[in-house]
């Protein structure tokens, strides 16, 4: 159990350290980080910038909660916004 949390901590540190492109996946009940070449929005981008760069999403989900969290679905990834700023973008399972 400690090794899993340590691995997640290391992965989080690496992902937050620079422009590493990776995706988190689960294989045989283990969380694994693998390289990803799929371009996706960066944290802090506005909705307007995301749409200008990546086009219109295939689906827009209404905001929920406070602060409002909105989800946009694209073919290759999903973007989560707080108010109008990206908080996370994840690669969709293939």
Protein backbone atom coordinates (compact mmCIF):
# COMPACT_ATOMS: atom_id res chain seq x y z
CA UNK A 1 0.00 0.00 0.00
CA UNK A 2 2.82 2.44 0.88
CA UNK A 3 4.52 1.71 -2.45
CA UNK A 4 1.34 2.63 -4.34
CA UNK A 5 1.05 5.99 -2.58
CA UNK A 6 4.77 6.63 -3.05
CA UNK A 7 4.44 5.87 -6.77
CA UNK A 8 1.48 8.21 -7.05
CA UNK A 9 3.40 10.92 -5.21
CA UNK A 10 6.40 10.54 -7.51
CA UNK A 11 4.16 10.57 -10.58
CA UNK A 12 2.40 13.70 -9.33
CA UNK A 13 5.72 15.42 -8.68
CA UNK A 14 7.02 14.51 -12.14
CA UNK A 15 3.82 15.61 -13.86
CA UNK A 16 3.79 18.92 -12.03
CA UNK A 17 7.49 19.60 -12.61
CA UNK A 18 7.44 20.53 -16.28
CA UNK A 19 5.90 19.85 -19.61
CA UNK A 20 5.79 16.08 -19.28
CA UNK A 21 2.87 14.65 -21.24
CA UNK A 22 1.49 11.55 -19.57
CA UNK A 23 -1.73 9.79 -18.80
CA UNK A 24 -2.72 7.81 -15.73
CA UNK A 25 -4.19 4.39 -16.43
CA UNK A 26 -5.09 1.32 -14.40
CA UNK A 27 -3.60 -2.03 -15.39
CA UNK A 28 -4.33 -5.12 -13.29
CA UNK A 29 -5.65 -2.92 -10.46
CA UNK A 30 -2.42 -0.86 -10.44
CA UNK A 31 -2.23 2.84 -11.28
CA UNK A 32 0.35 3.38 -14.01
CA UNK A 33 1.57 6.58 -15.64
CA UNK A 34 2.49 6.28 -19.31
CA UNK A 35 3.68 8.78 -21.86
CA UNK A 36 0.98 10.43 -23.95
CA UNK A 37 1.36 12.40 -27.16
CA UNK A 38 -2.30 13.48 -27.13
CA UNK A 39 -2.46 17.28 -27.06
CA UNK A 40 -4.93 18.59 -24.53
CA UNK A 41 -5.67 21.89 -22.76
CA UNK A 42 -3.32 23.10 -20.04
CA UNK A 43 -4.42 23.99 -16.54
CA UNK A 44 -5.56 27.61 -16.33
CA UNK A 45 -6.67 27.99 -19.97
CA UNK A 46 -10.00 29.74 -20.44
CA UNK A 47 -13.01 28.11 -22.08
CA UNK A 48 -12.67 30.57 -24.95
CA UNK A 49 -9.02 29.61 -25.51
CA UNK A 50 -9.80 25.88 -25.33
CA UNK A 51 -12.53 26.21 -27.94
CA UNK A 52 -10.33 28.36 -30.18
CA UNK A 53 -7.46 25.87 -30.03
CA UNK A 54 -9.30 22.52 -29.97
CA UNK A 55 -12.64 23.37 -31.58
CA UNK A 56 -16.12 22.84 -30.23
CA UNK A 57 -16.53 19.90 -27.84
CA UNK A 58 -18.66 16.94 -28.85
CA UNK A 59 -20.68 17.46 -25.67
CA UNK A 60 -20.97 20.21 -23.04
CA UNK A 61 -22.26 19.22 -19.63
CA UNK A 62 -23.94 21.86 -17.45
CA UNK A 63 -22.05 23.23 -14.44
CA UNK A 64 -22.66 21.57 -11.08
CA UNK A 65 -21.79 22.56 -7.52
CA UNK A 66 -20.14 25.57 -5.95
CA UNK A 67 -17.73 26.56 -7.30
CA UNK A 68 -19.30 25.54 -10.61
CA UNK A 69 -17.52 22.62 -12.31
CA UNK A 70 -18.22 22.17 -16.03
CA UNK A 71 -17.19 19.23 -18.22
CA UNK A 72 -16.53 19.30 -21.95
CA UNK A 73 -16.08 16.04 -23.84
CA UNK A 74 -13.84 15.75 -26.89
CA UNK A 75 -13.11 12.58 -28.87
CA UNK A 76 -9.64 12.07 -27.34
CA UNK A 77 -9.92 13.83 -23.98
CA UNK A 78 -12.26 15.36 -21.40
CA UNK A 79 -11.77 18.82 -19.89
CA UNK A 80 -12.95 19.96 -16.46
CA UNK A 81 -13.39 23.67 -15.73
CA UNK A 82 -13.88 25.59 -12.50
CA UNK A 83 -15.81 28.68 -13.51
CA UNK A 84 -14.23 29.34 -16.94
CA UNK A 85 -10.70 27.95 -16.27
CA UNK A 86 -9.31 24.46 -16.95
CA UNK A 87 -8.56 22.57 -13.76
CA UNK A 88 -7.85 19.20 -15.40
CA UNK A 89 -7.82 17.52 -18.81
CA UNK A 90 -7.71 13.74 -19.04
CA UNK A 91 -7.15 11.39 -21.97
CA UNK A 92 -10.21 9.26 -22.69
CA UNK A 93 -9.78 5.49 -22.59
CA UNK A 94 -9.32 4.10 -26.08
